[in-house]
PDB file of N, CA and C in Angstrom:
ATOM      1  N   UNK A   1       0.899  -1.254  -0.100  1.00  0.00           N
ATOM      2  CA  UNK A   1      -0.017   0.122   0.025  1.00  0.00           C
ATOM      3  C   UNK A   1       0.924   1.112  -0.022  1.00  0.00           C
ATOM      4  N   UNK A   2       0.642   2.247  -0.917  1.00  0.00           N
ATOM      5  CA  UNK A   2       1.325   3.508  -0.958  1.00  0.00           C
ATOM      6  C   UNK A   2       0.963   4.361   0.200  1.00  0.00           C
ATOM      7  N   UNK A   3       1.899   4.917   0.858  1.00  0.00           N
ATOM      8  CA  UNK A   3       1.707   5.861   1.962  1.00  0.00           C
ATOM      9  C   UNK A   3       0.987   7.015   1.394  1.00  0.00           C
ATOM     10  N   UNK A   4       1.348   7.510   0.329  1.00  0.00           N
ATOM     11  CA  UNK A   4       0.792   8.695  -0.307  1.00  0.00           C
ATOM     12  C   UNK A   4      -0.823   8.565  -0.482  1.00  0.00           C
ATOM     13  N   UNK A   5      -1.065   7.407  -0.940  1.00  0.00           N
ATOM     14  CA  UNK A   5      -2.560   6.994  -1.142  1.00  0.00           C
ATOM     15  C   UNK A   5      -3.296   7.056   0.334  1.00  0.00           C
ATOM     16  N   UNK A   6      -2.640   6.406   1.141  1.00  0.00           N
ATOM     17  CA  UNK A   6      -3.123   6.279   2.454  1.00  0.00           C
ATOM     18  C   UNK A   6      -3.275   7.628   3.303  1.00  0.00           C
ATOM     19  N   UNK A   7      -2.292   8.396   3.023  1.00  0.00           N
ATOM     20  CA  UNK A   7      -2.285   9.697   3.682  1.00  0.00           C
ATOM     21  C   UNK A   7      -3.474  10.521   3.085  1.00  0.00           C
ATOM     22  N   UNK A   8      -3.619  10.471   1.876  1.00  0.00           N
ATOM     23  CA  UNK A   8      -4.592  11.264   1.068  1.00  0.00           C
ATOM     24  C   UNK A   8      -6.068  10.586   1.551  1.00  0.00           C
ATOM     25  N   UNK A   9      -6.035   9.413   1.932  1.00  0.00           N
ATOM     26  CA  UNK A   9      -7.291   8.854   2.467  1.00  0.00           C
ATOM     27  C   UNK A   9      -7.751   9.544   3.726  1.00  0.00           C
ATOM     28  N   UNK A  10      -6.545   9.700   4.754  1.00  0.00           N
ATOM     29  CA  UNK A  10      -6.721  10.347   5.903  1.00  0.00           C
ATOM     30  C   UNK A  10      -6.015  11.746   5.961  1.00  0.00           C
ATOM     31  N   UNK A  11      -6.694  12.602   5.167  1.00  0.00           N
ATOM     32  CA  UNK A  11      -6.080  13.912   5.090  1.00  0.00           C
ATOM     33  C   UNK A  11      -5.828  14.636   6.411  1.00  0.00           C
ATOM     34  N   UNK A  12      -6.702  14.441   7.392  1.00  0.00           N
ATOM     35  CA  UNK A  12      -6.558  15.167   8.548  1.00  0.00           C
ATOM     36  C   UNK A  12      -5.046  15.012   9.038  1.00  0.00           C
ATOM     37  N   UNK A  13      -4.359  16.213   9.423  1.00  0.00           N
ATOM     38  CA  UNK A  13      -2.986  16.180   9.911  1.00  0.00           C
ATOM     39  C   UNK A  13      -2.929  15.468  11.362  1.00  0.00           C
ATOM     40  N   UNK A  14      -3.978  15.079  11.806  1.00  0.00           N
ATOM     41  CA  UNK A  14      -4.101  14.670  13.246  1.00  0.00           C
ATOM     42  C   UNK A  14      -3.191  13.161  13.180  1.00  0.00           C
ATOM     43  N   UNK A  15      -3.211  12.536  12.077  1.00  0.00           N
ATOM     44  CA  UNK A  15      -2.404  11.449  11.877  1.00  0.00           C
ATOM     45  C   UNK A  15      -1.007  11.574  11.539  1.00  0.00           C
ATOM     46  N   UNK A  16      -0.125  11.230  12.435  1.00  0.00           N
ATOM     47  CA  UNK A  16       1.359  11.424  12.320  1.00  0.00           C
ATOM     48  C   UNK A  16       1.879  10.207  11.467  1.00  0.00           C
ATOM     49  N   UNK A  17       3.118  10.380  10.853  1.00  0.00           N
ATOM     50  CA  UNK A  17       3.635   9.332  10.080  1.00  0.00           C
ATOM     51  C   UNK A  17       3.632   8.168  10.812  1.00  0.00           C
ATOM     52  N   UNK A  18       3.986   8.073  12.209  1.00  0.00           N
ATOM     53  CA  UNK A  18       4.120   7.035  12.931  1.00  0.00           C
ATOM     54  C   UNK A  18       2.847   6.192  13.001  1.00  0.00           C
ATOM     55  N   UNK A  19       1.763   6.962  13.202  1.00  0.00           N
ATOM     56  CA  UNK A  19       0.406   6.254  13.281  1.00  0.00           C
ATOM     57  C   UNK A  19       0.131   5.708  11.920  1.00  0.00           C
ATOM     58  N   UNK A  20       0.386   6.286  10.855  1.00  0.00           N
ATOM     59  CA  UNK A  20       0.237   5.684   9.614  1.00  0.00           C
ATOM     60  C   UNK A  20       0.964   4.528   9.283  1.00  0.00           C
ATOM     61  N   UNK A  21       2.222   4.391   9.756  1.00  0.00           N
ATOM     62  CA  UNK A  21       2.993   3.083   9.746  1.00  0.00           C
ATOM     63  C   UNK A  21       2.288   2.211  10.584  1.00  0.00           C
ATOM     64  N   UNK A  22       1.809   2.425  11.615  1.00  0.00           N
ATOM     65  CA  UNK A  22       1.101   1.412  12.492  1.00  0.00           C
ATOM     66  C   UNK A  22      -0.017   0.702  11.816  1.00  0.00           C
ATOM     67  N   UNK A  23      -0.934   1.777  11.145  1.00  0.00           N
ATOM     68  CA  UNK A  23      -2.061   1.356  10.499  1.00  0.00           C
ATOM     69  C   UNK A  23      -1.720   0.627   9.253  1.00  0.00           C
ATOM     70  N   UNK A  24      -0.556   0.894   8.653  1.00  0.00           N
ATOM     71  CA  UNK A  24      -0.223   0.169   7.540  1.00  0.00           C
ATOM     72  C   UNK A  24       0.258  -1.342   7.856  1.00  0.00           C
ATOM     73  N   UNK A  25       0.846  -1.423   9.051  1.00  0.00           N
ATOM     74  CA  UNK A  25       1.349  -2.685   9.573  1.00  0.00           C
ATOM     75  C   UNK A  25       0.198  -3.558   9.951  1.00  0.00           C
ATOM     76  N   UNK A  26      -0.903  -2.966  10.459  1.00  0.00           N
ATOM     77  CA  UNK A  26      -2.111  -3.782  10.832  1.00  0.00           C
ATOM     78  C   UNK A  26      -2.748  -4.262   9.522  1.00  0.00           C
ATOM     79  N   UNK A  27      -2.704  -3.498   8.463  1.00  0.00           N
ATOM     80  CA  UNK A  27      -3.452  -3.984   7.316  1.00  0.00           C
ATOM     81  C   UNK A  27      -2.474  -4.818   6.512  1.00  0.00           C
TER      82      UNK A  27
END
């Protein structure tokens, strides 16, 4: 999964890169 697409899905800046990495690991 591309982080860019994932970030676009969750555009709110509340999500940090660390949280995005955790979410991608869960998926």
